[in-house]
N, C-alpha and C. Protein backbone atom coordinates (compact mmCIF):
# COMPACT_ATOMS: atom_id res chain seq x y z
N MET A 1 -14.53 93.79 -69.12
CA MET A 1 -13.21 94.13 -68.63
C MET A 1 -12.17 93.50 -69.56
N ARG A 2 -11.18 94.30 -69.90
CA ARG A 2 -10.10 93.81 -70.75
C ARG A 2 -9.08 93.05 -69.91
N ILE A 3 -8.58 91.97 -70.47
CA ILE A 3 -7.51 91.20 -69.85
C ILE A 3 -6.25 91.42 -70.69
N LEU A 4 -5.18 91.85 -70.03
CA LEU A 4 -3.93 92.15 -70.74
C LEU A 4 -2.78 91.36 -70.13
N ILE A 5 -1.89 90.91 -70.98
CA ILE A 5 -0.63 90.31 -70.54
C ILE A 5 0.46 91.19 -71.10
N CYS A 6 1.24 91.80 -70.22
CA CYS A 6 2.31 92.73 -70.61
C CYS A 6 3.64 92.11 -70.20
N CYS A 7 4.52 91.91 -71.17
CA CYS A 7 5.74 91.15 -70.94
C CYS A 7 6.98 91.90 -71.38
N ILE A 8 8.06 91.64 -70.69
CA ILE A 8 9.36 92.09 -71.14
C ILE A 8 9.95 90.94 -71.96
N GLY A 9 10.41 91.25 -73.14
CA GLY A 9 10.98 90.25 -74.03
C GLY A 9 10.01 89.82 -75.10
N ARG A 10 10.56 89.46 -76.21
CA ARG A 10 9.76 89.00 -77.34
C ARG A 10 9.89 87.49 -77.47
N MET A 11 8.76 86.85 -77.63
CA MET A 11 8.74 85.40 -77.76
C MET A 11 8.90 85.03 -79.23
N LYS A 12 9.84 84.13 -79.50
CA LYS A 12 10.07 83.69 -80.87
C LYS A 12 8.97 82.72 -81.29
N ALA A 13 8.86 82.53 -82.60
CA ALA A 13 7.91 81.55 -83.12
C ALA A 13 8.27 80.18 -82.56
N GLY A 14 7.26 79.39 -82.31
CA GLY A 14 7.52 78.05 -81.79
C GLY A 14 6.37 77.56 -80.94
N ALA A 15 6.61 76.45 -80.30
CA ALA A 15 5.55 75.78 -79.54
C ALA A 15 4.98 76.65 -78.43
N GLU A 16 5.84 77.38 -77.71
CA GLU A 16 5.35 78.20 -76.61
C GLU A 16 4.45 79.32 -77.10
N ARG A 17 4.85 79.99 -78.18
CA ARG A 17 4.03 81.06 -78.75
C ARG A 17 2.69 80.51 -79.21
N GLU A 18 2.71 79.33 -79.81
CA GLU A 18 1.47 78.70 -80.28
C GLU A 18 0.55 78.35 -79.12
N LEU A 19 1.12 77.86 -78.02
CA LEU A 19 0.30 77.54 -76.86
C LEU A 19 -0.34 78.78 -76.26
N VAL A 20 0.42 79.86 -76.13
CA VAL A 20 -0.14 81.11 -75.62
C VAL A 20 -1.30 81.55 -76.51
N ALA A 21 -1.09 81.54 -77.81
CA ALA A 21 -2.14 81.95 -78.74
C ALA A 21 -3.37 81.04 -78.62
N ARG A 22 -3.15 79.76 -78.49
CA ARG A 22 -4.26 78.81 -78.39
C ARG A 22 -5.09 79.08 -77.12
N TYR A 23 -4.42 79.24 -75.98
CA TYR A 23 -5.16 79.49 -74.74
C TYR A 23 -5.88 80.84 -74.76
N LEU A 24 -5.24 81.85 -75.32
CA LEU A 24 -5.90 83.16 -75.35
C LEU A 24 -7.05 83.18 -76.35
N ASP A 25 -6.94 82.45 -77.46
CA ASP A 25 -8.07 82.34 -78.39
C ASP A 25 -9.26 81.66 -77.70
N ARG A 26 -8.98 80.62 -76.94
CA ARG A 26 -10.05 79.95 -76.19
C ARG A 26 -10.66 80.89 -75.16
N ALA A 27 -9.81 81.66 -74.49
CA ALA A 27 -10.31 82.61 -73.48
C ALA A 27 -11.18 83.67 -74.14
N LYS A 28 -10.78 84.15 -75.32
CA LYS A 28 -11.59 85.15 -76.04
C LYS A 28 -12.97 84.59 -76.34
N ALA A 29 -13.00 83.36 -76.84
CA ALA A 29 -14.29 82.76 -77.22
C ALA A 29 -15.22 82.62 -76.02
N GLY A 30 -14.70 82.16 -74.90
CA GLY A 30 -15.54 81.97 -73.72
C GLY A 30 -15.72 83.23 -72.90
N GLY A 31 -14.80 84.16 -73.02
CA GLY A 31 -14.84 85.36 -72.19
C GLY A 31 -15.89 86.37 -72.57
N ARG A 32 -16.26 86.40 -73.84
CA ARG A 32 -17.26 87.39 -74.30
C ARG A 32 -18.54 87.34 -73.48
N ALA A 33 -19.06 86.14 -73.28
CA ALA A 33 -20.31 85.99 -72.53
C ALA A 33 -20.15 86.36 -71.06
N LEU A 34 -18.92 86.43 -70.60
CA LEU A 34 -18.64 86.75 -69.20
C LEU A 34 -18.32 88.22 -68.98
N GLY A 35 -18.34 89.01 -70.05
CA GLY A 35 -17.99 90.41 -69.94
C GLY A 35 -16.49 90.64 -69.93
N LEU A 36 -15.73 89.68 -70.45
CA LEU A 36 -14.28 89.78 -70.54
C LEU A 36 -13.88 89.91 -72.00
N SER A 37 -12.89 90.76 -72.24
CA SER A 37 -12.46 90.98 -73.63
C SER A 37 -10.96 91.22 -73.67
N GLY A 38 -10.47 91.49 -74.85
CA GLY A 38 -9.06 91.79 -75.03
C GLY A 38 -8.23 90.55 -75.13
N PHE A 39 -7.77 90.05 -73.99
CA PHE A 39 -6.86 88.91 -73.95
C PHE A 39 -5.67 89.17 -74.87
N ASP A 40 -5.15 90.41 -74.76
CA ASP A 40 -4.05 90.86 -75.61
C ASP A 40 -2.72 90.68 -74.90
N VAL A 41 -1.66 90.47 -75.71
CA VAL A 41 -0.30 90.40 -75.20
C VAL A 41 0.46 91.58 -75.77
N SER A 42 1.13 92.32 -74.90
CA SER A 42 2.03 93.37 -75.38
C SER A 42 3.44 92.99 -74.95
N GLU A 43 4.34 93.01 -75.90
CA GLU A 43 5.74 92.65 -75.65
C GLU A 43 6.58 93.91 -75.71
N HIS A 44 7.50 94.02 -74.76
CA HIS A 44 8.35 95.21 -74.67
C HIS A 44 9.80 94.78 -74.62
N ALA A 45 10.64 95.57 -75.26
CA ALA A 45 12.06 95.23 -75.36
C ALA A 45 12.73 95.22 -73.99
N GLU A 46 13.70 94.34 -73.86
CA GLU A 46 14.52 94.32 -72.66
C GLU A 46 15.39 95.57 -72.65
N SER A 47 15.59 96.11 -71.48
CA SER A 47 16.44 97.29 -71.33
C SER A 47 17.90 96.90 -71.54
N SER A 48 18.66 97.82 -72.09
CA SER A 48 20.10 97.59 -72.26
C SER A 48 20.92 98.36 -71.23
N ALA A 49 20.26 98.89 -70.22
CA ALA A 49 20.98 99.61 -69.17
C ALA A 49 21.96 98.67 -68.46
N ARG A 50 23.03 99.23 -67.97
CA ARG A 50 24.07 98.42 -67.32
C ARG A 50 23.67 97.91 -65.95
N ARG A 51 23.09 98.76 -65.14
CA ARG A 51 22.75 98.38 -63.77
C ARG A 51 21.38 97.71 -63.70
N PRO A 52 21.25 96.65 -62.92
CA PRO A 52 19.95 95.98 -62.79
C PRO A 52 18.83 96.93 -62.36
N GLU A 53 19.13 97.85 -61.45
CA GLU A 53 18.11 98.79 -60.98
C GLU A 53 17.59 99.65 -62.12
N ASP A 54 18.50 100.08 -62.99
CA ASP A 54 18.11 100.90 -64.14
C ASP A 54 17.31 100.07 -65.15
N ARG A 55 17.73 98.82 -65.37
CA ARG A 55 16.98 97.94 -66.29
C ARG A 55 15.56 97.74 -65.77
N MET A 56 15.44 97.43 -64.48
CA MET A 56 14.10 97.20 -63.91
C MET A 56 13.24 98.46 -64.00
N ALA A 57 13.83 99.62 -63.78
CA ALA A 57 13.07 100.87 -63.85
C ALA A 57 12.59 101.13 -65.27
N GLU A 58 13.48 100.96 -66.25
CA GLU A 58 13.09 101.18 -67.65
C GLU A 58 12.02 100.19 -68.09
N GLU A 59 12.22 98.93 -67.76
CA GLU A 59 11.26 97.91 -68.15
C GLU A 59 9.92 98.11 -67.46
N GLY A 60 9.95 98.50 -66.19
CA GLY A 60 8.71 98.78 -65.46
C GLY A 60 7.95 99.93 -66.08
N GLY A 61 8.68 100.97 -66.49
CA GLY A 61 8.03 102.09 -67.16
C GLY A 61 7.35 101.68 -68.45
N ALA A 62 8.01 100.79 -69.20
CA ALA A 62 7.42 100.30 -70.46
C ALA A 62 6.14 99.51 -70.18
N LEU A 63 6.17 98.67 -69.16
CA LEU A 63 4.98 97.88 -68.83
C LEU A 63 3.83 98.78 -68.37
N LEU A 64 4.14 99.72 -67.51
CA LEU A 64 3.09 100.62 -67.00
C LEU A 64 2.49 101.46 -68.12
N SER A 65 3.28 101.83 -69.11
CA SER A 65 2.76 102.64 -70.22
C SER A 65 1.80 101.85 -71.11
N ALA A 66 1.80 100.53 -70.97
CA ALA A 66 0.96 99.69 -71.83
C ALA A 66 -0.45 99.49 -71.29
N VAL A 67 -0.72 100.00 -70.09
CA VAL A 67 -2.03 99.76 -69.49
C VAL A 67 -2.81 101.06 -69.35
N PRO A 68 -4.12 100.99 -69.49
CA PRO A 68 -4.93 102.20 -69.34
C PRO A 68 -5.01 102.63 -67.88
N PRO A 69 -5.27 103.90 -67.65
CA PRO A 69 -5.43 104.38 -66.27
C PRO A 69 -6.53 103.59 -65.56
N GLY A 70 -6.32 103.31 -64.31
CA GLY A 70 -7.32 102.60 -63.51
C GLY A 70 -7.26 101.09 -63.63
N ALA A 71 -6.36 100.57 -64.45
CA ALA A 71 -6.25 99.12 -64.58
C ALA A 71 -5.77 98.51 -63.27
N ARG A 72 -6.24 97.34 -62.96
CA ARG A 72 -5.74 96.58 -61.81
C ARG A 72 -4.50 95.83 -62.29
N LEU A 73 -3.47 95.83 -61.46
CA LEU A 73 -2.19 95.23 -61.84
C LEU A 73 -1.93 93.94 -61.07
N CYS A 74 -1.69 92.89 -61.82
CA CYS A 74 -1.31 91.58 -61.28
C CYS A 74 0.11 91.32 -61.75
N LEU A 75 1.06 91.28 -60.82
CA LEU A 75 2.46 91.09 -61.18
C LEU A 75 2.89 89.68 -60.84
N LEU A 76 3.50 89.00 -61.81
CA LEU A 76 4.07 87.69 -61.55
C LEU A 76 5.37 87.91 -60.80
N ASP A 77 5.46 87.35 -59.61
CA ASP A 77 6.61 87.60 -58.75
C ASP A 77 6.80 86.39 -57.84
N PRO A 78 8.03 85.87 -57.76
CA PRO A 78 8.22 84.68 -56.91
C PRO A 78 7.92 84.93 -55.43
N ARG A 79 7.88 86.19 -55.00
CA ARG A 79 7.56 86.51 -53.61
C ARG A 79 6.06 86.72 -53.41
N GLY A 80 5.28 86.52 -54.46
CA GLY A 80 3.84 86.77 -54.39
C GLY A 80 3.06 85.62 -53.78
N LYS A 81 1.74 85.77 -53.84
CA LYS A 81 0.83 84.76 -53.31
C LYS A 81 0.69 83.62 -54.32
N SER A 82 0.58 82.45 -53.81
CA SER A 82 0.28 81.28 -54.63
C SER A 82 -1.22 81.02 -54.51
N LEU A 83 -1.95 81.31 -55.57
CA LEU A 83 -3.41 81.16 -55.54
C LEU A 83 -3.84 79.88 -56.24
N THR A 84 -4.94 79.33 -55.78
CA THR A 84 -5.56 78.24 -56.54
C THR A 84 -6.17 78.83 -57.81
N SER A 85 -6.46 77.98 -58.75
CA SER A 85 -7.12 78.44 -59.97
C SER A 85 -8.47 79.05 -59.66
N GLU A 86 -9.18 78.48 -58.70
CA GLU A 86 -10.49 79.02 -58.32
C GLU A 86 -10.35 80.41 -57.71
N ASP A 87 -9.32 80.61 -56.89
CA ASP A 87 -9.10 81.92 -56.29
C ASP A 87 -8.71 82.96 -57.34
N PHE A 88 -7.90 82.56 -58.30
CA PHE A 88 -7.52 83.48 -59.39
C PHE A 88 -8.75 83.85 -60.21
N ALA A 89 -9.58 82.87 -60.53
CA ALA A 89 -10.81 83.13 -61.27
C ALA A 89 -11.73 84.06 -60.48
N ALA A 90 -11.86 83.82 -59.18
CA ALA A 90 -12.71 84.66 -58.34
C ALA A 90 -12.19 86.09 -58.32
N ARG A 91 -10.89 86.26 -58.30
CA ARG A 91 -10.30 87.61 -58.32
C ARG A 91 -10.67 88.33 -59.61
N ILE A 92 -10.54 87.64 -60.72
CA ILE A 92 -10.92 88.25 -62.01
C ILE A 92 -12.40 88.58 -62.00
N GLY A 93 -13.23 87.68 -61.50
CA GLY A 93 -14.66 87.93 -61.44
C GLY A 93 -15.01 89.13 -60.56
N ARG A 94 -14.35 89.27 -59.42
CA ARG A 94 -14.60 90.41 -58.54
C ARG A 94 -14.19 91.72 -59.21
N GLU A 95 -13.05 91.72 -59.88
CA GLU A 95 -12.60 92.94 -60.57
C GLU A 95 -13.61 93.32 -61.66
N ARG A 96 -14.04 92.34 -62.42
CA ARG A 96 -15.04 92.59 -63.46
C ARG A 96 -16.32 93.16 -62.86
N ASP A 97 -16.79 92.53 -61.79
CA ASP A 97 -18.05 92.93 -61.17
C ASP A 97 -17.98 94.29 -60.51
N SER A 98 -16.79 94.72 -60.12
CA SER A 98 -16.64 96.03 -59.49
C SER A 98 -16.48 97.15 -60.52
N GLY A 99 -16.51 96.80 -61.80
CA GLY A 99 -16.43 97.81 -62.84
C GLY A 99 -15.02 98.16 -63.30
N THR A 100 -14.05 97.37 -62.92
CA THR A 100 -12.68 97.59 -63.37
C THR A 100 -12.62 97.48 -64.89
N GLY A 101 -11.95 98.43 -65.52
CA GLY A 101 -11.87 98.43 -66.98
C GLY A 101 -10.86 97.47 -67.56
N ALA A 102 -9.78 97.23 -66.83
CA ALA A 102 -8.73 96.34 -67.33
C ALA A 102 -8.02 95.65 -66.17
N PHE A 103 -7.63 94.42 -66.42
CA PHE A 103 -6.85 93.61 -65.48
C PHE A 103 -5.58 93.24 -66.23
N ALA A 104 -4.46 93.81 -65.81
CA ALA A 104 -3.20 93.64 -66.52
C ALA A 104 -2.24 92.78 -65.72
N CYS A 105 -1.71 91.75 -66.36
CA CYS A 105 -0.73 90.86 -65.74
C CYS A 105 0.64 91.19 -66.32
N PHE A 106 1.60 91.44 -65.45
CA PHE A 106 2.96 91.80 -65.85
C PHE A 106 3.90 90.63 -65.63
N ILE A 107 4.71 90.37 -66.65
CA ILE A 107 5.83 89.44 -66.53
C ILE A 107 7.08 90.25 -66.81
N GLY A 108 7.90 90.41 -65.79
CA GLY A 108 9.09 91.24 -65.89
C GLY A 108 10.22 90.56 -66.63
N GLY A 109 11.32 91.27 -66.72
CA GLY A 109 12.51 90.74 -67.37
C GLY A 109 13.33 89.87 -66.44
N ALA A 110 14.56 89.57 -66.86
CA ALA A 110 15.43 88.67 -66.11
C ALA A 110 15.74 89.17 -64.70
N ASP A 111 15.74 90.48 -64.51
CA ASP A 111 16.03 91.06 -63.19
C ASP A 111 14.79 91.20 -62.33
N GLY A 112 13.63 90.92 -62.88
CA GLY A 112 12.39 91.08 -62.14
C GLY A 112 11.80 92.46 -62.34
N LEU A 113 10.92 92.84 -61.43
CA LEU A 113 10.24 94.12 -61.50
C LEU A 113 10.74 95.03 -60.38
N SER A 114 10.84 96.30 -60.68
CA SER A 114 11.37 97.26 -59.71
C SER A 114 10.44 97.39 -58.51
N PRO A 115 11.01 97.78 -57.37
CA PRO A 115 10.15 98.01 -56.19
C PRO A 115 9.06 99.05 -56.47
N GLN A 116 9.35 100.04 -57.30
CA GLN A 116 8.35 101.07 -57.62
C GLN A 116 7.15 100.48 -58.36
N VAL A 117 7.40 99.52 -59.25
CA VAL A 117 6.31 98.86 -59.97
C VAL A 117 5.59 97.90 -59.03
N ARG A 118 6.35 97.17 -58.23
CA ARG A 118 5.74 96.23 -57.29
C ARG A 118 4.81 96.94 -56.31
N GLU A 119 5.14 98.17 -55.92
CA GLU A 119 4.29 98.94 -55.01
C GLU A 119 2.94 99.29 -55.63
N LYS A 120 2.88 99.36 -56.94
CA LYS A 120 1.64 99.70 -57.63
C LYS A 120 0.73 98.48 -57.82
N ALA A 121 1.25 97.30 -57.52
CA ALA A 121 0.51 96.06 -57.77
C ALA A 121 -0.70 95.93 -56.87
N ASP A 122 -1.78 95.45 -57.45
CA ASP A 122 -2.97 95.07 -56.69
C ASP A 122 -2.86 93.62 -56.24
N LEU A 123 -2.05 92.85 -56.98
CA LEU A 123 -1.84 91.44 -56.66
C LEU A 123 -0.45 91.04 -57.10
N LEU A 124 0.31 90.45 -56.18
CA LEU A 124 1.57 89.81 -56.53
C LEU A 124 1.28 88.31 -56.57
N LEU A 125 1.45 87.72 -57.73
CA LEU A 125 1.08 86.32 -57.96
C LEU A 125 2.32 85.49 -58.21
N SER A 126 2.40 84.34 -57.56
CA SER A 126 3.51 83.42 -57.74
C SER A 126 3.00 82.09 -58.26
N PHE A 127 3.76 81.51 -59.19
CA PHE A 127 3.46 80.16 -59.65
C PHE A 127 4.31 79.14 -58.90
N GLY A 128 4.82 79.52 -57.74
CA GLY A 128 5.58 78.60 -56.90
C GLY A 128 6.99 79.08 -56.67
N ALA A 129 7.71 78.32 -55.87
CA ALA A 129 9.06 78.69 -55.48
C ALA A 129 10.09 78.40 -56.56
N ALA A 130 9.79 77.53 -57.48
CA ALA A 130 10.74 77.18 -58.54
C ALA A 130 10.89 78.34 -59.52
N THR A 131 12.01 78.36 -60.21
CA THR A 131 12.23 79.35 -61.26
C THR A 131 11.86 78.70 -62.60
N PHE A 132 11.04 79.40 -63.39
CA PHE A 132 10.61 78.89 -64.67
C PHE A 132 11.12 79.80 -65.79
N PRO A 133 11.36 79.24 -66.98
CA PRO A 133 11.71 80.09 -68.11
C PRO A 133 10.57 81.05 -68.44
N HIS A 134 10.95 82.24 -68.87
CA HIS A 134 9.99 83.29 -69.20
C HIS A 134 8.88 82.76 -70.13
N GLN A 135 9.26 81.99 -71.15
CA GLN A 135 8.29 81.50 -72.11
C GLN A 135 7.26 80.58 -71.45
N LEU A 136 7.71 79.75 -70.51
CA LEU A 136 6.77 78.86 -69.84
C LEU A 136 5.85 79.62 -68.89
N VAL A 137 6.36 80.65 -68.25
CA VAL A 137 5.51 81.47 -67.38
C VAL A 137 4.39 82.09 -68.20
N ARG A 138 4.73 82.55 -69.40
CA ARG A 138 3.71 83.15 -70.26
C ARG A 138 2.65 82.11 -70.65
N VAL A 139 3.08 80.89 -70.96
CA VAL A 139 2.14 79.81 -71.27
C VAL A 139 1.27 79.51 -70.05
N MET A 140 1.90 79.40 -68.89
CA MET A 140 1.15 79.08 -67.67
C MET A 140 0.13 80.17 -67.34
N LEU A 141 0.51 81.42 -67.53
CA LEU A 141 -0.42 82.52 -67.27
C LEU A 141 -1.59 82.49 -68.25
N ALA A 142 -1.29 82.29 -69.53
CA ALA A 142 -2.36 82.22 -70.53
C ALA A 142 -3.33 81.08 -70.21
N GLU A 143 -2.78 79.94 -69.79
CA GLU A 143 -3.64 78.80 -69.45
C GLU A 143 -4.48 79.12 -68.23
N GLN A 144 -3.93 79.78 -67.23
CA GLN A 144 -4.70 80.12 -66.03
C GLN A 144 -5.79 81.14 -66.35
N ILE A 145 -5.52 82.04 -67.26
CA ILE A 145 -6.56 83.00 -67.68
C ILE A 145 -7.68 82.25 -68.39
N TYR A 146 -7.32 81.34 -69.29
CA TYR A 146 -8.35 80.53 -69.95
C TYR A 146 -9.12 79.72 -68.92
N ARG A 147 -8.39 79.09 -67.99
CA ARG A 147 -9.04 78.29 -66.96
C ARG A 147 -9.99 79.15 -66.13
N ALA A 148 -9.60 80.38 -65.85
CA ALA A 148 -10.47 81.29 -65.10
C ALA A 148 -11.79 81.52 -65.84
N THR A 149 -11.73 81.67 -67.16
CA THR A 149 -12.98 81.86 -67.92
C THR A 149 -13.85 80.62 -67.83
N THR A 150 -13.24 79.45 -67.83
CA THR A 150 -14.05 78.23 -67.75
C THR A 150 -14.65 78.06 -66.36
N ILE A 151 -13.90 78.43 -65.33
CA ILE A 151 -14.42 78.35 -63.96
C ILE A 151 -15.59 79.32 -63.80
N LEU A 152 -15.40 80.55 -64.28
CA LEU A 152 -16.47 81.56 -64.13
C LEU A 152 -17.73 81.19 -64.91
N SER A 153 -17.57 80.44 -65.99
CA SER A 153 -18.73 80.07 -66.80
C SER A 153 -19.32 78.72 -66.44
N GLY A 154 -18.66 77.98 -65.54
CA GLY A 154 -19.15 76.66 -65.17
C GLY A 154 -18.82 75.58 -66.18
N HIS A 155 -17.90 75.85 -67.08
CA HIS A 155 -17.48 74.89 -68.11
C HIS A 155 -16.73 73.73 -67.44
N PRO A 156 -16.85 72.53 -67.95
CA PRO A 156 -16.21 71.37 -67.31
C PRO A 156 -14.69 71.25 -67.52
N TYR A 157 -14.05 72.17 -68.23
CA TYR A 157 -12.60 72.09 -68.43
C TYR A 157 -11.87 71.96 -67.09
N HIS A 158 -12.29 72.74 -66.12
CA HIS A 158 -11.63 72.70 -64.82
C HIS A 158 -12.28 71.65 -63.95
N ARG A 159 -11.51 70.67 -63.60
CA ARG A 159 -11.99 69.64 -62.70
C ARG A 159 -11.02 69.57 -61.53
N ALA A 160 -11.46 69.98 -60.39
CA ALA A 160 -10.56 69.99 -59.21
C ALA A 160 -10.48 68.63 -58.58
């Protein structure tokens, strides 16, 4: 199963980009034996529409166009569920075991994700009630994906 991170906005060179790359490289190395692949990031331009609703619709369309048909959608959303790392790993494992071809995680723009995109979600995931910068959310997601591969493989990286 392919793991995809689809984001609105482009991350500049720097520490955050390096951390995302480091965690996804680690996930790639450990994920192969688990039947996980890809660990790709697709970045999409922020909409320049005037109204927030129009921006969210355009950005949502861009994100949806980046995933193959039948992909399971995990949307980062402050109104979503707060899962433990073990629960997130188990979710990825169940999707893989059920034959899902791709598991795509969406990080929306400054206005969030449109209700139409949120309705398509298989999982609304929250990293808590606090607001985090987009770059840090991407790092946190990449780390949780890497952590999921270590949990699924029994690697000692994750110590609860």
